């Protein structure tokens, strides 16, 4: 139902953002720049689907993937899947596993949190697991150390179910208007007694760990267990509107504010042009696809070469960011090689085999 029809029908809704109303980025799990599968996960990382991070503390070993198992007839092509490969049937008190997304405060000012006009928030998503029972989702206000949690039930094994949860408005604690983490969404998959021994914080409160995940099942108790999620939408108001599908280019661009991957698309993919200033060093620039949230870090995989005057491939080496001249809009590379460059000459920086450049400005 369109937003204007909802309003004209007199239904209660507090959102004033009919476009980009979904606070969550990549909620349909369609963008996975890093990989479509990652194995042997035991810690915290952005492994596959963009903007969703797994946090694991001594609670099993997992494979995460961008799955094509989706609810039928809902328009989704992909989901995020967590598959337990090493079980932990008796977690220690401090153990946990959850999937999370962190959200910038400057994207949340319209929620008016910390004022008498604060908005309620409604979370909707599709979920599936072989393990039925109670699961916990949570919102954390990182600026004011406040938290609230809600439970949902997976009733039928191996069946997609849509869940809708409304969180109360919080009139305490304004959110910072900056590019740091202000709000964080959690999907718990398991937790030790440090997080389950209190009373579930179903209204906003100063964070108490023991109240965060009370009642949560232990998805890590068997290697038979798996959990899928897609269609994650968080929006202002008390109405769960239809999932807001974005064009793939718009969705990708939003993800690239936090992470950009430039990889080999064909043999000898040229990334940029450098100028040599010695036989073993060169410098060059590359614009960002879109402005990053913050100054990114650089990592690489594979091998990079420089074309020399005769277009030979013998100037193999590594690349690094020249931090003094790197901005959120572009990068200066310095290139160290094994020789064969001529000072003053231009040279093309190109990839060999499965090489890639990774820029990371995640929260």
Protein backbone atom coordinates (compact mmCIF):
# COMPACT_ATOMS: atom_id res chain seq x y z
CA UNK A 1 0.00 0.00 0.00
CA UNK A 2 1.39 3.40 -0.90
CA UNK A 3 2.28 5.81 1.89
CA UNK A 4 -0.28 8.40 0.77
CA UNK A 5 -3.00 5.73 0.85
CA UNK A 6 -2.00 4.74 4.37
CA UNK A 7 -2.28 8.34 5.52
CA UNK A 8 -5.59 8.97 3.76
CA UNK A 9 -7.07 5.85 5.33
CA UNK A 10 -6.41 7.32 8.75
CA UNK A 11 -4.01 4.60 9.85
CA UNK A 12 -1.48 5.61 12.46
CA UNK A 13 1.98 6.24 11.12
CA UNK A 14 4.63 8.72 12.19
CA UNK A 15 7.06 8.51 9.32
CA UNK A 16 7.65 11.53 7.13
CA UNK A 17 10.03 9.70 4.82
CA UNK A 18 8.14 7.86 2.05
CA UNK A 19 11.42 7.46 0.13
CA UNK A 20 14.40 5.69 1.70
CA UNK A 21 12.21 5.00 4.70
CA UNK A 22 14.20 1.84 5.47
CA UNK A 23 16.94 2.73 7.95
CA UNK A 24 18.68 -0.57 7.19
CA UNK A 25 21.01 -0.68 4.19
CA UNK A 26 20.98 -3.79 1.97
CA UNK A 27 18.11 -5.38 3.89
CA UNK A 28 17.35 -7.67 0.93
CA UNK A 29 20.91 -9.08 1.17
CA UNK A 30 21.44 -8.47 -2.56
CA UNK A 31 24.91 -6.88 -2.34
CA UNK A 32 27.88 -9.01 -1.28
CA UNK A 33 31.05 -7.30 -2.46
CA UNK A 34 33.48 -9.25 -0.28
CA UNK A 35 32.33 -12.81 -1.00
CA UNK A 36 29.22 -14.94 -1.34
CA UNK A 37 30.47 -17.46 1.23
CA UNK A 38 32.90 -17.45 4.17
CA UNK A 39 33.87 -20.49 6.24
CA UNK A 40 35.44 -21.16 9.65
CA UNK A 41 34.02 -18.01 11.23
CA UNK A 42 34.75 -17.75 14.96
CA UNK A 43 35.11 -14.01 15.51
CA UNK A 44 33.86 -10.63 14.36
CA UNK A 45 33.97 -9.51 10.73
CA UNK A 46 32.04 -8.31 7.71
CA UNK A 47 32.24 -11.61 5.87
CA UNK A 48 29.75 -11.71 2.98
CA UNK A 49 26.58 -9.60 2.69
CA UNK A 50 27.37 -5.88 2.83
CA UNK A 51 26.61 -3.87 5.99
CA UNK A 52 25.80 -6.99 8.07
CA UNK A 53 28.48 -8.07 10.52
CA UNK A 54 28.68 -11.26 12.52
CA UNK A 55 29.92 -10.97 16.10
CA UNK A 56 31.02 -14.27 17.64
CA UNK A 57 32.68 -14.77 21.00
CA UNK A 58 33.66 -18.40 21.66
CA UNK A 59 30.31 -19.75 20.50
CA UNK A 60 30.91 -22.32 17.78
CA UNK A 61 32.28 -22.17 14.25
CA UNK A 62 30.14 -20.99 11.37
CA UNK A 63 29.80 -20.69 7.64
CA UNK A 64 28.06 -17.55 6.42
CA UNK A 65 26.70 -17.21 2.91
CA UNK A 66 24.56 -15.15 0.59
CA UNK A 67 21.90 -17.77 -0.04
CA UNK A 68 19.31 -18.07 -2.79
CA UNK A 69 16.87 -19.71 -0.35
CA UNK A 70 14.15 -17.07 -0.03
CA UNK A 71 10.46 -16.75 0.83
CA UNK A 72 8.33 -17.61 -2.18
CA UNK A 73 6.52 -14.84 -4.00
CA UNK A 74 7.90 -11.93 -1.95
CA UNK A 75 10.33 -10.48 -4.50
CA UNK A 76 13.54 -11.45 -2.72
CA UNK A 77 16.40 -13.16 -4.58
CA UNK A 78 18.87 -13.59 -1.72
CA UNK A 79 19.11 -14.07 2.03
CA UNK A 80 21.86 -14.18 4.64
CA UNK A 81 22.49 -17.69 5.97
CA UNK A 82 24.35 -18.76 9.11
CA UNK A 83 25.27 -22.46 9.26
CA UNK A 84 26.78 -23.99 12.42
CA UNK A 85 29.76 -26.21 11.57
CA UNK A 86 31.24 -26.71 15.07
CA UNK A 87 28.75 -26.80 17.91
CA UNK A 88 28.88 -25.27 21.39
CA UNK A 89 26.08 -26.91 23.38
CA UNK A 90 27.24 -25.48 26.73
CA UNK A 91 28.35 -21.87 26.18
CA UNK A 92 30.28 -20.03 28.86
CA UNK A 93 28.64 -17.07 30.56
CA UNK A 94 30.37 -14.50 28.34
CA UNK A 95 29.81 -16.28 25.00
CA UNK A 96 27.56 -14.85 22.29
CA UNK A 97 26.75 -14.82 18.61
CA UNK A 98 24.68 -12.22 16.78
CA UNK A 99 24.26 -10.52 13.41
CA UNK A 100 24.30 -6.74 13.53
CA UNK A 101 24.13 -3.54 11.50
CA UNK A 102 25.49 -0.22 12.76
CA UNK A 103 23.82 3.03 11.68
CA UNK A 104 25.21 6.56 11.44
CA UNK A 105 23.68 9.17 13.71
CA UNK A 106 23.35 11.76 10.94
CA UNK A 107 20.90 9.42 9.18
CA UNK A 108 18.67 9.25 12.25
CA UNK A 109 17.98 12.83 13.29
CA UNK A 110 14.38 12.69 11.99
CA UNK A 111 13.63 10.10 14.69
CA UNK A 112 13.86 12.92 17.25
CA UNK A 113 15.20 10.51 19.84
CA UNK A 114 15.70 12.04 23.27
CA UNK A 115 12.83 14.51 22.85
CA UNK A 116 9.15 14.44 23.77
CA UNK A 117 8.41 13.94 20.04
CA UNK A 118 10.57 10.82 19.68
CA UNK A 119 9.37 8.27 17.11
CA UNK A 120 8.57 4.62 17.63
CA UNK A 121 10.43 2.21 15.37
CA UNK A 122 9.02 -0.82 13.58
CA UNK A 123 11.22 -3.70 12.50
CA UNK A 124 10.04 -6.26 9.95
CA UNK A 125 11.91 -9.19 8.42
CA UNK A 126 11.60 -12.70 7.03
CA UNK A 127 13.32 -15.47 9.00
CA UNK A 128 13.76 -19.24 8.73
CA UNK A 129 15.49 -21.91 10.82
CA UNK A 130 15.33 -25.60 11.56
CA UNK A 131 15.51 -24.68 15.27
CA UNK A 132 12.22 -23.38 16.58
CA UNK A 133 11.78 -21.30 19.72
CA UNK A 134 12.42 -17.81 21.06
CA UNK A 135 14.91 -15.45 19.44
CA UNK A 136 15.87 -11.93 20.46
CA UNK A 137 16.33 -8.77 18.43
CA UNK A 138 17.73 -5.63 20.05
CA UNK A 139 18.33 -1.93 19.47
CA UNK A 140 21.30 -0.25 21.13
CA UNK A 141 21.77 3.51 21.45
CA UNK A 142 25.56 3.69 21.30
CA UNK A 143 25.69 7.42 22.08
CA UNK A 144 23.87 7.14 25.41
CA UNK A 145 24.53 3.49 26.37
CA UNK A 146 20.84 2.62 26.25
CA UNK A 147 19.17 -0.54 25.01
CA UNK A 148 15.87 -2.30 24.36
CA UNK A 149 15.14 -5.88 23.27
CA UNK A 150 12.15 -7.75 21.88
CA UNK A 151 11.54 -11.44 21.36
CA UNK A 152 10.08 -13.25 18.37
CA UNK A 153 9.22 -16.91 17.90
CA UNK A 154 10.14 -19.24 15.07
CA UNK A 155 7.13 -21.51 15.19
CA UNK A 156 7.67 -23.94 12.29
CA UNK A 157 10.95 -25.58 11.36
CA UNK A 158 12.39 -24.87 7.92
CA UNK A 159 9.57 -22.47 7.08
CA UNK A 160 9.84 -18.80 6.16
CA UNK A 161 7.95 -16.59 8.63
CA UNK A 162 7.51 -12.83 8.56
CA UNK A 163 8.02 -11.03 11.85
CA UNK A 164 6.97 -7.50 12.79
CA UNK A 165 8.18 -5.84 15.99
CA UNK A 166 7.55 -2.30 17.24
CA UNK A 167 10.00 -0.65 19.62
CA UNK A 168 8.89 2.12 21.96
CA UNK A 169 9.96 5.71 21.41
CA UNK A 170 12.84 6.80 23.66
CA UNK A 171 12.56 10.31 25.09
CA UNK A 172 15.95 10.02 26.81
CA UNK A 173 19.26 10.57 25.05
CA UNK A 174 19.66 12.41 21.76
CA UNK A 175 21.66 10.83 18.96
CA UNK A 176 24.86 12.47 17.74
CA UNK A 177 24.57 14.19 14.36
CA UNK A 178 27.75 12.72 12.90
CA UNK A 179 29.16 9.78 10.94
CA UNK A 180 29.72 7.52 13.95
CA UNK A 181 27.62 4.63 15.22
CA UNK A 182 24.50 5.90 16.99
CA UNK A 183 22.04 3.03 16.62
CA UNK A 184 22.78 -0.67 16.30
CA UNK A 185 20.41 -3.50 15.35
CA UNK A 186 21.07 -7.00 16.71
CA UNK A 187 19.77 -10.45 15.76
CA UNK A 188 20.90 -12.83 18.50
CA UNK A 189 21.56 -16.48 17.66
CA UNK A 190 22.90 -17.47 21.05
CA UNK A 191 24.18 -15.98 24.30
CA UNK A 192 25.62 -17.05 27.66
CA UNK A 193 24.20 -16.17 31.05
CA UNK A 194 25.96 -12.78 31.14
CA UNK A 195 23.29 -11.73 28.63
CA UNK A 196 20.34 -13.92 29.60
CA UNK A 197 20.17 -14.02 33.42
CA UNK A 198 18.09 -10.85 33.97
CA UNK A 199 14.72 -9.62 32.73
CA UNK A 200 14.34 -8.81 29.05
CA UNK A 201 14.54 -5.03 28.52
CA UNK A 202 11.35 -4.63 26.50
CA UNK A 203 11.43 -0.84 27.06
CA UNK A 204 14.40 1.49 26.74
CA UNK A 205 16.77 1.47 29.70
CA UNK A 206 20.37 2.16 30.61
CA UNK A 207 22.09 -0.89 29.21
CA UNK A 208 22.29 -3.93 31.47
CA UNK A 209 23.98 -6.86 29.72
CA UNK A 210 21.98 -9.45 31.66
CA UNK A 211 18.74 -8.03 30.17
CA UNK A 212 19.81 -8.07 26.52
CA UNK A 213 19.00 -11.60 25.30
CA UNK A 214 16.82 -13.29 27.94
CA UNK A 215 15.08 -16.37 26.53
CA UNK A 216 17.30 -16.71 23.45
CA UNK A 217 17.65 -20.26 22.07
CA UNK A 218 21.14 -21.63 21.44
CA UNK A 219 21.50 -22.01 17.67
CA UNK A 220 25.08 -23.16 18.27
CA UNK A 221 24.04 -26.36 20.07
CA UNK A 222 24.13 -28.56 16.94
CA UNK A 223 25.86 -28.66 13.56
CA UNK A 224 22.42 -29.39 12.10
CA UNK A 225 21.37 -25.81 12.83
CA UNK A 226 21.04 -22.99 10.32
CA UNK A 227 19.33 -19.60 10.27
CA UNK A 228 18.27 -17.39 7.36
CA UNK A 229 17.12 -13.78 7.24
CA UNK A 230 16.07 -11.36 4.50
CA UNK A 231 13.78 -8.38 3.96
CA UNK A 232 15.11 -6.55 7.02
CA UNK A 233 13.39 -3.17 7.32
CA UNK A 234 13.51 -0.68 10.21
CA UNK A 235 11.33 2.40 9.87
CA UNK A 236 9.79 5.19 11.89
CA UNK A 237 6.24 4.66 13.09
CA UNK A 238 4.05 1.74 14.08
CA UNK A 239 3.25 0.44 10.58
CA UNK A 240 5.41 -2.16 8.83
CA UNK A 241 5.18 -1.05 5.22
CA UNK A 242 6.03 -3.30 2.30
CA UNK A 243 9.76 -3.86 1.90
CA UNK A 244 11.43 -0.97 0.10
CA UNK A 245 13.25 -2.51 -2.86
CA UNK A 246 15.89 -0.22 -4.37
CA UNK A 247 17.48 -0.45 -7.82
CA UNK A 248 20.68 -2.46 -7.63
CA UNK A 249 22.84 0.54 -8.55
CA UNK A 250 21.36 2.64 -5.73
CA UNK A 251 21.71 -0.17 -3.21
CA UNK A 252 25.32 -0.83 -4.25
CA UNK A 253 26.20 2.86 -4.02
CA UNK A 254 24.86 3.04 -0.46
CA UNK A 255 27.00 0.05 0.48
CA UNK A 256 30.05 1.59 -1.17
CA UNK A 257 29.99 4.47 1.32
CA UNK A 258 31.37 1.88 3.75
CA UNK A 259 33.28 -0.57 1.57
CA UNK A 260 34.57 -0.61 -2.00
CA UNK A 261 36.16 -3.52 -3.80
CA UNK A 262 38.01 -3.08 -7.07
CA UNK A 263 38.91 -6.42 -8.57
CA UNK A 264 40.21 -8.05 -11.69
CA UNK A 265 37.48 -8.27 -14.31
CA UNK A 266 39.70 -9.59 -17.09
CA UNK A 267 43.35 -10.41 -17.74
CA UNK A 268 45.61 -7.47 -16.82
CA UNK A 269 42.87 -5.17 -15.54
CA UNK A 270 44.29 -1.63 -15.34
CA UNK A 271 43.37 0.16 -12.12
CA UNK A 272 45.03 3.53 -12.64
CA UNK A 273 48.09 5.30 -14.04
CA UNK A 274 51.13 5.95 -11.88
CA UNK A 275 54.24 8.07 -12.37
CA UNK A 276 57.55 6.48 -11.47
CA UNK A 277 59.94 8.53 -9.38
CA UNK A 278 62.59 5.83 -9.11
CA UNK A 279 63.31 2.37 -10.44
CA UNK A 280 61.32 0.79 -7.60
CA UNK A 281 58.73 3.43 -6.67
CA UNK A 282 55.74 5.12 -8.28
CA UNK A 283 52.79 7.25 -7.20
CA UNK A 284 49.31 7.75 -8.62
CA UNK A 285 45.70 8.49 -7.72
CA UNK A 286 42.30 6.86 -7.95
CA UNK A 287 38.95 8.56 -7.26
CA UNK A 288 36.48 6.92 -4.92
CA UNK A 289 33.31 5.51 -6.48
CA UNK A 290 31.38 7.54 -3.91
CA UNK A 291 32.46 9.52 -0.87
CA UNK A 292 33.40 7.26 2.01
CA UNK A 293 31.91 7.58 5.47
CA UNK A 294 35.45 8.19 6.82
CA UNK A 295 39.04 7.79 5.68
CA UNK A 296 39.29 4.17 4.51
CA UNK A 297 41.91 1.57 5.22
CA UNK A 298 43.48 -0.35 2.33
CA UNK A 299 44.08 -4.05 1.92
CA UNK A 300 44.89 -6.10 -1.17
CA UNK A 301 44.76 -9.64 -2.41
CA UNK A 302 46.77 -11.13 -5.25
CA UNK A 303 49.58 -9.59 -7.30
CA UNK A 304 49.94 -6.14 -8.87
CA UNK A 305 52.29 -5.26 -11.71
CA UNK A 306 53.35 -2.11 -13.49
CA UNK A 307 53.62 -1.84 -17.23
CA UNK A 308 56.98 -0.40 -18.12
CA UNK A 309 57.93 1.29 -21.37
CA UNK A 310 58.08 -1.97 -23.35
CA UNK A 311 54.89 -3.15 -21.62
CA UNK A 312 56.73 -5.89 -19.77
CA UNK A 313 55.28 -7.38 -16.63
CA UNK A 314 58.41 -7.68 -14.53
CA UNK A 315 57.82 -4.83 -12.07
CA UNK A 316 56.01 -6.83 -9.42
CA UNK A 317 55.41 -5.38 -5.97
CA UNK A 318 52.92 -4.05 -3.45
CA UNK A 319 50.76 -0.94 -3.20
CA UNK A 320 49.90 1.19 -0.18
CA UNK A 321 47.90 4.31 0.60
CA UNK A 322 49.82 7.55 0.88
CA UNK A 323 47.87 8.61 3.93
CA UNK A 324 48.91 12.26 3.89
CA UNK A 325 47.07 12.78 0.61
CA UNK A 326 44.18 10.31 0.93
CA UNK A 327 40.68 11.70 1.45
CA UNK A 328 37.15 10.31 1.61
CA UNK A 329 36.83 11.19 -2.09
CA UNK A 330 39.95 9.57 -3.50
CA UNK A 331 43.30 7.96 -2.86
CA UNK A 332 46.96 8.46 -3.56
CA UNK A 333 48.86 5.21 -4.07
CA UNK A 334 52.52 4.61 -3.53
CA UNK A 335 53.92 1.60 -5.32
CA UNK A 336 57.00 -0.37 -4.36
CA UNK A 337 58.33 -2.80 -6.95
CA UNK A 338 61.27 -5.02 -7.72
CA UNK A 339 62.82 -2.57 -10.14
CA UNK A 340 62.43 -1.99 -13.90
CA UNK A 341 60.67 1.38 -13.60
CA UNK A 342 62.12 4.56 -15.08
CA UNK A 343 61.84 7.77 -13.06
CA UNK A 344 59.55 10.31 -14.73
CA UNK A 345 57.78 7.77 -16.91
CA UNK A 346 54.13 6.86 -16.67
CA UNK A 347 53.23 3.30 -15.83
CA UNK A 348 49.94 1.44 -15.62
CA UNK A 349 49.05 -0.32 -12.38
CA UNK A 350 47.34 -3.57 -13.24
CA UNK A 351 46.26 -6.81 -11.63
CA UNK A 352 47.34 -10.35 -12.23
CA UNK A 353 45.13 -13.42 -11.68
CA UNK A 354 42.61 -12.91 -8.84
CA UNK A 355 43.85 -9.59 -7.48
CA UNK A 356 41.70 -6.97 -5.76
CA UNK A 357 41.95 -3.71 -3.83
CA UNK A 358 39.72 -3.34 -0.76
CA UNK A 359 38.85 0.01 0.83
CA UNK A 360 37.16 -0.23 4.22
CA UNK A 361 35.38 2.60 6.08
CA UNK A 362 32.89 0.45 8.01
CA UNK A 363 31.49 1.43 11.36
